[in-house]
C-alpha atoms as a PDB file:
ATOM      1  CA  MET A   1      -0.685 -19.202  -3.574  1.00  0.00           C
ATOM      2  CA  SER A   2       2.219 -16.771  -5.062  1.00  0.00           C
ATOM      3  CA  GLN A   3       1.836 -13.082  -3.994  1.00  0.00           C
ATOM      4  CA  LYS A   4       1.718 -12.295  -7.773  1.00  0.00           C
ATOM      5  CA  LYS A   5      -1.165 -15.156  -8.685  1.00  0.00           C
ATOM      6  CA  GLN A   6      -2.981 -13.777  -5.248  1.00  0.00           C
ATOM      7  CA  MET A   7      -2.505 -10.114  -6.822  1.00  0.00           C
ATOM      8  CA  SER A   8      -3.945 -10.774 -10.148  1.00  0.00           C
ATOM      9  CA  VAL A   9      -7.102 -12.616  -7.812  1.00  0.00           C
ATOM     10  CA  VAL A  10      -7.822  -9.791  -5.628  1.00  0.00           C
ATOM     11  CA  SER A  11      -7.952  -7.620  -8.705  1.00  0.00           C
ATOM     12  CA  ILE A  12     -10.728  -9.823 -10.044  1.00  0.00           C
ATOM     13  CA  LEU A  13     -12.434  -9.639  -6.914  1.00  0.00           C
ATOM     14  CA  LYS A  14     -12.320  -6.245  -7.067  1.00  0.00           C
ATOM     15  CA  ARG A  15     -13.680  -5.681 -10.213  1.00  0.00           C
ATOM     16  CA  LEU A  16     -16.498  -8.126  -9.229  1.00  0.00           C
ATOM     17  CA  VAL A  17     -17.550  -6.815  -5.641  1.00  0.00           C
ATOM     18  CA  PRO A  18     -19.398  -3.769  -5.583  1.00  0.00           C
ATOM     19  CA  ALA A  19     -18.137  -0.790  -4.351  1.00  0.00           C
ATOM     20  CA  ARG A  20     -19.699  -0.089  -1.426  1.00  0.00           C
ATOM     21  CA  LEU A  21     -19.163  -3.784  -0.319  1.00  0.00           C
ATOM     22  CA  ARG A  22     -15.401  -4.083  -0.482  1.00  0.00           C
ATOM     23  CA  PRO A  23     -14.565  -2.634   2.757  1.00  0.00           C
ATOM     24  CA  LEU A  24     -16.688  -5.120   4.505  1.00  0.00           C
ATOM     25  CA  LEU A  25     -15.002  -7.868   2.653  1.00  0.00           C
ATOM     26  CA  ARG A  26     -11.477  -6.387   3.594  1.00  0.00           C
ATOM     27  CA  ARG A  27     -12.395  -6.736   7.112  1.00  0.00           C
ATOM     28  CA  GLY A  28     -13.642 -10.103   6.675  1.00  0.00           C
ATOM     29  CA  VAL A  29     -10.552 -10.990   4.681  1.00  0.00           C
ATOM     30  CA  ARG A  30      -8.370  -9.734   7.208  1.00  0.00           C
ATOM     31  CA  LEU A  31     -10.389 -11.575   9.720  1.00  0.00           C
ATOM     32  CA  LEU A  32      -9.751 -14.668   8.187  1.00  0.00           C
ATOM     33  CA  ARG A  33      -6.125 -14.148   7.035  1.00  0.00           C
ATOM     34  CA  GLY A  34      -5.212 -13.022  10.898  1.00  0.00           C
ATOM     35  CA  LYS A  35      -1.942 -11.105  10.323  1.00  0.00           C
ATOM     36  CA  SER A  36      -2.410  -8.661   7.656  1.00  0.00           C
ATOM     37  CA  LEU A  37       0.043  -8.503   4.917  1.00  0.00           C
ATOM     38  CA  TYR A  38       0.950  -4.692   5.742  1.00  0.00           C
ATOM     39  CA  ASP A  39       1.458  -5.710   9.531  1.00  0.00           C
ATOM     40  CA  SER A  40       3.678  -8.420   8.079  1.00  0.00           C
ATOM     41  CA  ARG A  41       5.710  -5.545   6.046  1.00  0.00           C
ATOM     42  CA  VAL A  42       5.399  -3.751   9.321  1.00  0.00           C
ATOM     43  CA  GLN A  43       7.332  -6.589  11.553  1.00  0.00           C
ATOM     44  CA  ARG A  44      10.394  -7.121   8.761  1.00  0.00           C
ATOM     45  CA  GLU A  45      10.771  -3.158   8.680  1.00  0.00           C
ATOM     46  CA  LEU A  46      10.720  -3.246  12.183  1.00  0.00           C
ATOM     47  CA  GLU A  47      13.395  -6.199  12.643  1.00  0.00           C
ATOM     48  CA  ALA A  48      15.503  -4.575  10.069  1.00  0.00           C
ATOM     49  CA  PHE A  49      16.360  -2.195  12.037  1.00  0.00           C
ATOM     50  CA  GLU A  50      16.913  -3.650  15.341  1.00  0.00           C
ATOM     51  CA  ASN A  51      20.304  -3.505  15.538  1.00  0.00           C
ATOM     52  CA  ILE A  52      21.839  -0.972  12.986  1.00  0.00           C
ATOM     53  CA  ASN A  53      22.356   2.842  13.620  1.00  0.00           C
ATOM     54  CA  VAL A  54      20.157   4.584  11.602  1.00  0.00           C
ATOM     55  CA  GLN A  55      22.364   7.425  11.401  1.00  0.00           C
ATOM     56  CA  ASP A  56      25.071   5.421   9.516  1.00  0.00           C
ATOM     57  CA  LEU A  57      24.098   6.630   6.148  1.00  0.00           C
ATOM     58  CA  PRO A  58      25.220   4.814   3.435  1.00  0.00           C
ATOM     59  CA  LEU A  59      28.307   6.428   0.609  1.00  0.00           C
ATOM     60  CA  ILE A  60      25.524   7.235  -1.635  1.00  0.00           C
ATOM     61  CA  MET A  61      23.833   9.340   0.215  1.00  0.00           C
ATOM     62  CA  GLN A  62      26.680  11.726   0.707  1.00  0.00           C
ATOM     63  CA  TYR A  63      27.062  10.971  -2.735  1.00  0.00           C
ATOM     64  CA  TRP A  64      23.793  12.328  -3.529  1.00  0.00           C
ATOM     65  CA  SER A  65      24.085  15.129  -0.860  1.00  0.00           C
ATOM     66  CA  LYS A  66      27.121  16.802  -2.427  1.00  0.00           C
ATOM     67  CA  ASN A  67      26.626  16.202  -6.192  1.00  0.00           C
ATOM     68  CA  TYR A  68      22.676  16.900  -6.268  1.00  0.00           C
ATOM     69  CA  LEU A  69      21.175  18.147  -3.015  1.00  0.00           C
ATOM     70  CA  ALA A  70      23.867  20.824  -2.002  1.00  0.00           C
ATOM     71  CA  PRO A  71      23.698  22.441  -5.789  1.00  0.00           C
ATOM     72  CA  MET A  72      19.898  22.884  -5.629  1.00  0.00           C
ATOM     73  CA  LEU A  73      20.292  24.490  -2.092  1.00  0.00           C
ATOM     74  CA  ALA A  74      23.451  26.276  -2.965  1.00  0.00           C
ATOM     75  CA  PRO A  75      21.166  29.112  -4.278  1.00  0.00           C
ATOM     76  CA  PHE A  76      19.313  29.882  -1.948  1.00  0.00           C
ATOM     77  CA  GLY A  77      22.369  30.155   0.369  1.00  0.00           C
ATOM     78  CA  PHE A  78      22.517  26.353   1.652  1.00  0.00           C
ATOM     79  CA  THR A  79      24.681  24.074   1.982  1.00  0.00           C
ATOM     80  CA  ASP A  80      22.172  21.363   3.411  1.00  0.00           C
ATOM     81  CA  ALA A  81      18.499  20.160   3.984  1.00  0.00           C
ATOM     82  CA  ILE A  82      18.811  21.111   7.464  1.00  0.00           C
ATOM     83  CA  GLN A  83      20.712  24.469   6.919  1.00  0.00           C
ATOM     84  CA  PHE A  84      17.118  25.264   4.902  1.00  0.00           C
ATOM     85  CA  VAL A  85      14.711  23.632   7.905  1.00  0.00           C
ATOM     86  CA  ARG A  86      16.162  25.483  10.197  1.00  0.00           C
ATOM     87  CA  SER A  87      16.106  29.027   8.483  1.00  0.00           C
ATOM     88  CA  TYR A  88      12.506  28.096   8.159  1.00  0.00           C
ATOM     89  CA  MET A  89      11.649  27.186  11.711  1.00  0.00           C
ATOM     90  CA  ALA A  90      13.260  30.886  12.482  1.00  0.00           C
ATOM     91  CA  ARG A  91      11.218  32.845  10.006  1.00  0.00           C
ATOM     92  CA  VAL A  92       8.162  31.110  11.165  1.00  0.00           C
ATOM     93  CA  SER A  93       8.871  31.042  15.164  1.00  0.00           C
ATOM     94  CA  ARG A  94       9.849  34.494  15.168  1.00  0.00           C
ATOM     95  CA  GLN A  95       6.864  35.880  12.857  1.00  0.00           C
ATOM     96  CA  PHE A  96       4.156  34.155  15.305  1.00  0.00           C
ATOM     97  CA  PRO A  97       5.882  35.242  18.831  1.00  0.00           C
ATOM     98  CA  ALA A  98       2.936  34.881  20.930  1.00  0.00           C
ATOM     99  CA  GLU A  99       2.091  31.268  19.430  1.00  0.00           C
ATOM    100  CA  THR A 100       4.092  27.861  19.833  1.00  0.00           C
ATOM    101  CA  VAL A 101       4.719  26.761  16.268  1.00  0.00           C
ATOM    102  CA  SER A 102       4.217  22.988  15.645  1.00  0.00           C
ATOM    103  CA  PHE A 103       6.060  20.951  13.135  1.00  0.00           C
ATOM    104  CA  LEU A 104       5.601  17.238  12.197  1.00  0.00           C
ATOM    105  CA  SER A 105       8.065  14.909  11.383  1.00  0.00           C
ATOM    106  CA  ILE A 106       7.122  11.880   9.637  1.00  0.00           C
ATOM    107  CA  GLY A 107       9.862   9.227   9.957  1.00  0.00           C
ATOM    108  CA  ALA A 108      11.891  11.200  12.495  1.00  0.00           C
ATOM    109  CA  GLY A 109      13.400   7.624  13.737  1.00  0.00           C
ATOM    110  CA  THR A 110      16.067   8.878  16.546  1.00  0.00           C
ATOM    111  CA  CYS A 111      14.789  12.401  16.124  1.00  0.00           C
ATOM    112  CA  ALA A 112      18.685  13.357  15.401  1.00  0.00           C
ATOM    113  CA  SER A 113      17.606  16.014  12.843  1.00  0.00           C
ATOM    114  CA  GLU A 114      15.327  17.628  14.701  1.00  0.00           C
ATOM    115  CA  ILE A 115      17.114  17.623  17.972  1.00  0.00           C
ATOM    116  CA  ASN A 116      19.866  19.197  15.738  1.00  0.00           C
ATOM    117  CA  ILE A 117      17.195  21.839  14.822  1.00  0.00           C
ATOM    118  CA  ALA A 118      16.177  22.376  17.991  1.00  0.00           C
ATOM    119  CA  GLU A 119      19.428  22.868  19.820  1.00  0.00           C
ATOM    120  CA  TRP A 120      20.551  25.437  16.856  1.00  0.00           C
ATOM    121  CA  LEU A 121      17.254  27.372  17.546  1.00  0.00           C
ATOM    122  CA  ARG A 122      17.938  27.724  21.221  1.00  0.00           C
ATOM    123  CA  GLU A 123      21.561  29.034  20.267  1.00  0.00           C
ATOM    124  CA  HIS A 124      19.311  32.075  18.435  1.00  0.00           C
ATOM    125  CA  SER A 125      16.918  32.085  21.214  1.00  0.00           C
ATOM    126  CA  ILE A 126      14.397  30.908  19.599  1.00  0.00           C
ATOM    127  CA  GLU A 127      11.713  28.720  22.029  1.00  0.00           C
ATOM    128  CA  ASN A 128       8.331  29.121  20.751  1.00  0.00           C
ATOM    129  CA  TYR A 129       8.297  25.471  18.832  1.00  0.00           C
ATOM    130  CA  MET A 130       7.029  22.286  19.311  1.00  0.00           C
ATOM    131  CA  PHE A 131       8.383  19.036  17.101  1.00  0.00           C
ATOM    132  CA  GLU A 132       5.655  16.295  16.586  1.00  0.00           C
ATOM    133  CA  CYS A 133       7.796  13.149  16.010  1.00  0.00           C
ATOM    134  CA  ALA A 134       6.046  10.040  14.116  1.00  0.00           C
ATOM    135  CA  ASP A 135       8.072   7.013  13.412  1.00  0.00           C
ATOM    136  CA  ILE A 136       6.595   3.396  12.851  1.00  0.00           C
ATOM    137  CA  ASN A 137       9.420   2.451  15.050  1.00  0.00           C
ATOM    138  CA  PRO A 138       8.785   3.013  18.639  1.00  0.00           C
ATOM    139  CA  LYS A 139      12.143   1.862  19.678  1.00  0.00           C
ATOM    140  CA  LEU A 140      13.634   4.829  17.517  1.00  0.00           C
ATOM    141  CA  LEU A 141      11.421   6.976  19.144  1.00  0.00           C
ATOM    142  CA  ALA A 142      12.051   6.118  22.503  1.00  0.00           C
ATOM    143  CA  LYS A 143      16.149   6.679  21.429  1.00  0.00           C
ATOM    144  CA  GLY A 144      14.772  10.196  20.640  1.00  0.00           C
ATOM    145  CA  GLN A 145      13.151  10.934  23.403  1.00  0.00           C
ATOM    146  CA  VAL A 146      15.642  10.000  25.626  1.00  0.00           C
ATOM    147  CA  SER A 147      18.479  12.416  23.981  1.00  0.00           C
ATOM    148  CA  ALA A 148      16.123  14.838  23.840  1.00  0.00           C
ATOM    149  CA  LYS A 149      15.729  14.717  27.934  1.00  0.00           C
ATOM    150  CA  GLU A 150      19.534  14.379  27.969  1.00  0.00           C
ATOM    151  CA  LYS A 151      20.101  17.778  25.963  1.00  0.00           C
ATOM    152  CA  ASP A 152      17.291  19.197  28.025  1.00  0.00           C
ATOM    153  CA  LEU A 153      15.119  19.844  24.847  1.00  0.00           C
ATOM    154  CA  SER A 154      11.967  17.361  26.171  1.00  0.00           C
ATOM    155  CA  LYS A 155       9.681  20.714  25.980  1.00  0.00           C
ATOM    156  CA  HIS A 156       9.624  20.586  22.466  1.00  0.00           C
ATOM    157  CA  PHE A 157       8.811  17.269  21.368  1.00  0.00           C
ATOM    158  CA  SER A 158       6.155  14.863  21.413  1.00  0.00           C
ATOM    159  CA  TYR A 159       6.337  11.539  20.031  1.00  0.00           C
ATOM    160  CA  SER A 160       3.647   9.127  18.076  1.00  0.00           C
ATOM    161  CA  PRO A 161       4.335   5.720  16.762  1.00  0.00           C
ATOM    162  CA  PHE A 162       2.590   4.863  14.033  1.00  0.00           C
ATOM    163  CA  ASN A 163       1.784   1.382  12.953  1.00  0.00           C
END
């Protein structure tokens, strides 16, 4: 059955099945199907990033950043998003010096941006922060963990693979 036809069948069933029974029906369908559509999509995503350097951004990203993002940040004194985030983190960390301030990074990948920010914070004598790095790809997070350890920043990072 094609995915489009399958979607229309699902739409029809949603209207016919009472709302309180839908979660039970979903679980039953997942059991019958085996691997869910979501699981298949996650697996394809993981495979797509298996052998590429996620830090190599496409040229369109550089174009977009230079022509659209930078002009939006310029009135606030920033040339890129990393400067903006560093500034905010520094301000919050200084505002609460007796606390460890936690920051969640969703889609952290290899944690390159977070490590960049952590190095900057260290250069500015800010130590009361913690990054929670979450990503769907545990292999990328493992690379980030190694990198943070090499730069002696491990105490500021925790990792949460999700899928």
